């Protein structure tokens, strides 16, 4: 839809199965719940694909930006890279390409922190999970908290595979990131980062 014809801002979500209503109806997923919470002020475009990697998203991004002409991009990627123990340096480079390409197209970007299962080992976890804050600081983009941060150990929140959230977890995932997400959408979080690039 041409930007001039839109009456609402648009938010493009670029993610994997954690955002792709995996194993449930679309209307149960947190992204759909977000569109309902935002109401007519925002068009939420969920371009998440189960199994998506940062490299896959790089290859799709140009077409997505052209097709949807989004105002904002929320990047929730890296989990599948991490589960395959791919190089954190390559994950970081791919995420940087996504952010820089979107910003070059005039799209505001926010990045979500990603956490991995502890069985991947402490050394890898430190390198992988640490890249998100480092990249957010370097490129001056907001870093949203991981939406499963407090839900992993809660009964009924994770499917039997221990990786994917259940339908019951979806509204809680939205609640987990809502304060930071709302601040970013309102321009408050980005304004703080622009005023103080070292703000965490």
Protein backbone atom coordinates (compact mmCIF):
# COMPACT_ATOMS: atom_id res chain seq x y z
CA UNK A 1 0.00 0.00 0.00
CA UNK A 2 1.49 3.41 -0.93
CA UNK A 3 2.64 5.39 2.08
CA UNK A 4 0.46 8.36 1.10
CA UNK A 5 -2.64 6.17 1.25
CA UNK A 6 -2.02 4.90 4.78
CA UNK A 7 -3.83 6.41 7.73
CA UNK A 8 -1.72 4.48 10.26
CA UNK A 9 1.96 3.88 10.85
CA UNK A 10 3.19 0.41 10.00
CA UNK A 11 5.33 -1.93 12.08
CA UNK A 12 7.10 -4.82 10.36
CA UNK A 13 8.11 -7.75 12.58
CA UNK A 14 11.01 -9.81 11.26
CA UNK A 15 11.35 -12.99 13.29
CA UNK A 16 11.27 -16.77 13.46
CA UNK A 17 8.95 -19.38 14.99
CA UNK A 18 8.82 -17.47 18.30
CA UNK A 19 6.81 -14.82 16.45
CA UNK A 20 5.18 -16.99 13.78
CA UNK A 21 2.32 -18.31 15.96
CA UNK A 22 4.06 -21.70 15.90
CA UNK A 23 1.63 -24.56 16.59
CA UNK A 24 -1.40 -22.33 17.10
CA UNK A 25 -3.92 -20.15 15.27
CA UNK A 26 -2.64 -16.81 13.99
CA UNK A 27 -5.10 -14.99 16.24
CA UNK A 28 -3.46 -16.54 19.31
CA UNK A 29 0.07 -15.32 18.55
CA UNK A 30 1.61 -12.41 20.38
CA UNK A 31 2.01 -10.39 17.15
CA UNK A 32 -1.71 -10.56 16.46
CA UNK A 33 -2.41 -9.59 20.07
CA UNK A 34 -0.09 -6.64 19.58
CA UNK A 35 -2.07 -5.47 16.55
CA UNK A 36 -5.23 -5.62 18.64
CA UNK A 37 -3.63 -3.68 21.48
CA UNK A 38 -2.30 -0.96 19.18
CA UNK A 39 -5.64 -0.63 17.40
CA UNK A 40 -6.07 1.58 14.34
CA UNK A 41 -2.94 3.64 15.03
CA UNK A 42 -0.65 0.91 13.71
CA UNK A 43 -0.68 -1.66 10.96
CA UNK A 44 1.29 -4.66 12.25
CA UNK A 45 2.88 -6.75 9.48
CA UNK A 46 4.20 -10.05 10.77
CA UNK A 47 6.83 -11.28 8.31
CA UNK A 48 8.17 -13.95 10.68
CA UNK A 49 8.89 -17.44 9.34
CA UNK A 50 9.48 -20.58 11.37
CA UNK A 51 13.09 -21.68 11.01
CA UNK A 52 14.27 -18.24 9.89
CA UNK A 53 17.93 -17.35 10.39
CA UNK A 54 19.66 -13.98 10.28
CA UNK A 55 21.13 -14.89 6.87
CA UNK A 56 17.69 -15.81 5.55
CA UNK A 57 16.28 -12.52 6.78
CA UNK A 58 19.05 -10.58 5.05
CA UNK A 59 18.05 -12.20 1.76
CA UNK A 60 14.36 -11.33 2.27
CA UNK A 61 14.66 -7.83 3.64
CA UNK A 62 14.86 -5.80 0.45
CA UNK A 63 11.66 -7.29 -0.94
CA UNK A 64 9.89 -6.86 2.41
CA UNK A 65 10.85 -3.19 2.65
CA UNK A 66 9.75 -2.56 -0.93
CA UNK A 67 6.47 -4.43 -0.57
CA UNK A 68 5.35 -3.06 2.77
CA UNK A 69 6.98 0.39 2.98
CA UNK A 70 7.08 0.01 6.76
CA UNK A 71 7.76 2.90 9.10
CA UNK A 72 9.32 0.70 11.78
CA UNK A 73 11.07 -2.66 11.91
CA UNK A 74 11.30 -4.91 14.96
CA UNK A 75 14.03 -7.55 14.57
CA UNK A 76 13.61 -10.74 16.64
CA UNK A 77 16.22 -13.05 15.16
CA UNK A 78 19.20 -15.19 16.03
CA UNK A 79 17.66 -18.06 17.95
CA UNK A 80 17.98 -20.55 15.11
CA UNK A 81 21.55 -19.40 14.44
CA UNK A 82 22.37 -19.95 18.08
CA UNK A 83 20.76 -23.38 18.27
CA UNK A 84 23.04 -24.37 15.39
CA UNK A 85 26.03 -22.88 17.25
CA UNK A 86 26.81 -20.57 14.34
CA UNK A 87 29.51 -17.96 14.76
CA UNK A 88 28.32 -15.04 16.93
CA UNK A 89 30.45 -12.76 14.74
CA UNK A 90 28.49 -13.83 11.65
CA UNK A 91 25.17 -13.43 13.47
CA UNK A 92 26.21 -9.94 14.50
CA UNK A 93 27.27 -9.08 10.94
CA UNK A 94 23.93 -10.27 9.55
CA UNK A 95 21.95 -8.31 12.13
CA UNK A 96 24.04 -5.22 11.39
CA UNK A 97 23.25 -5.58 7.67
CA UNK A 98 19.53 -5.80 8.46
CA UNK A 99 19.60 -2.72 10.67
CA UNK A 100 21.73 -0.64 8.32
CA UNK A 101 19.70 -1.60 5.24
CA UNK A 102 16.43 -0.73 6.94
CA UNK A 103 17.72 2.57 8.26
CA UNK A 104 19.07 3.46 4.82
CA UNK A 105 15.49 3.03 3.57
CA UNK A 106 14.24 5.45 6.23
CA UNK A 107 12.86 2.76 8.55
CA UNK A 108 13.30 3.06 12.32
CA UNK A 109 14.67 -0.17 13.83
CA UNK A 110 14.55 -1.86 17.21
CA UNK A 111 16.30 -5.10 18.12
CA UNK A 112 15.20 -7.71 20.65
CA UNK A 113 17.63 -9.49 22.94
CA UNK A 114 17.72 -13.25 22.30
CA UNK A 115 18.46 -15.86 24.97
CA UNK A 116 19.54 -19.45 24.33
CA UNK A 117 19.22 -22.72 26.28
CA UNK A 118 22.03 -23.21 28.83
CA UNK A 119 23.14 -26.52 27.30
CA UNK A 120 25.06 -24.62 24.63
CA UNK A 121 27.71 -23.81 27.21
CA UNK A 122 28.61 -20.64 29.14
CA UNK A 123 31.40 -19.46 26.82
CA UNK A 124 29.21 -19.57 23.71
CA UNK A 125 26.27 -18.05 25.56
CA UNK A 126 28.36 -15.09 26.71
CA UNK A 127 29.58 -14.38 23.19
CA UNK A 128 26.20 -14.89 21.54
CA UNK A 129 23.94 -13.11 24.01
CA UNK A 130 26.44 -10.29 24.49
CA UNK A 131 26.44 -9.37 20.81
CA UNK A 132 22.95 -7.87 21.06
CA UNK A 133 23.80 -5.16 23.57
CA UNK A 134 27.10 -4.46 21.81
CA UNK A 135 25.38 -4.10 18.45
CA UNK A 136 22.60 -1.95 19.86
CA UNK A 137 25.18 0.36 21.42
CA UNK A 138 27.29 0.51 18.27
CA UNK A 139 24.40 1.25 15.91
CA UNK A 140 22.40 3.30 18.43
CA UNK A 141 19.20 1.27 18.21
CA UNK A 142 16.84 0.37 21.07
CA UNK A 143 17.31 -3.10 22.55
CA UNK A 144 14.07 -4.64 23.80
CA UNK A 145 14.09 -7.32 26.52
CA UNK A 146 13.65 -10.94 25.48
CA UNK A 147 9.95 -11.71 25.70
CA UNK A 148 10.50 -15.14 27.28
CA UNK A 149 12.91 -13.84 29.91
CA UNK A 150 10.69 -14.58 32.90
CA UNK A 151 8.59 -17.37 31.37
CA UNK A 152 11.05 -20.23 30.77
CA UNK A 153 10.59 -21.75 34.21
CA UNK A 154 6.88 -21.08 34.57
CA UNK A 155 4.59 -24.13 34.30
CA UNK A 156 2.57 -24.28 31.09
CA UNK A 157 4.53 -21.57 29.30
CA UNK A 158 6.72 -23.74 27.07
CA UNK A 159 5.87 -26.57 24.70
CA UNK A 160 7.30 -30.04 25.24
CA UNK A 161 10.34 -29.18 23.09
CA UNK A 162 11.40 -26.58 25.65
CA UNK A 163 11.96 -24.01 22.90
CA UNK A 164 8.58 -22.79 21.69
CA UNK A 165 6.11 -20.89 23.87
CA UNK A 166 2.58 -22.17 24.34
CA UNK A 167 -0.61 -20.36 23.47
CA UNK A 168 -1.00 -19.44 27.14
CA UNK A 169 2.38 -17.67 27.02
CA UNK A 170 1.52 -15.35 24.12
CA UNK A 171 -0.23 -12.53 26.03
CA UNK A 172 2.46 -12.67 28.72
CA UNK A 173 5.17 -12.35 26.07
CA UNK A 174 3.49 -9.20 24.84
CA UNK A 175 3.23 -7.87 28.38
CA UNK A 176 6.94 -8.59 28.92
CA UNK A 177 8.05 -6.26 26.13
CA UNK A 178 5.14 -3.81 26.11
CA UNK A 179 6.69 -1.00 28.22
CA UNK A 180 9.84 -0.81 26.09
CA UNK A 181 7.96 -1.41 22.85
CA UNK A 182 5.40 1.28 23.62
CA UNK A 183 8.15 3.73 24.53
CA UNK A 184 9.90 3.04 21.23
CA UNK A 185 6.70 3.42 19.21
CA UNK A 186 6.00 6.69 20.99
CA UNK A 187 9.48 7.97 20.14
CA UNK A 188 10.58 8.11 23.76
CA UNK A 189 13.13 5.31 23.81
CA UNK A 190 14.83 6.42 20.61
CA UNK A 191 14.93 10.01 21.86
CA UNK A 192 16.73 8.84 25.00
CA UNK A 193 19.26 6.89 22.95
CA UNK A 194 19.91 9.84 20.68
CA UNK A 195 20.41 12.10 23.66
CA UNK A 196 22.76 9.63 25.36
CA UNK A 197 24.26 6.94 23.11
CA UNK A 198 25.74 5.19 26.15
CA UNK A 199 22.35 4.75 27.82
CA UNK A 200 21.60 1.11 28.52
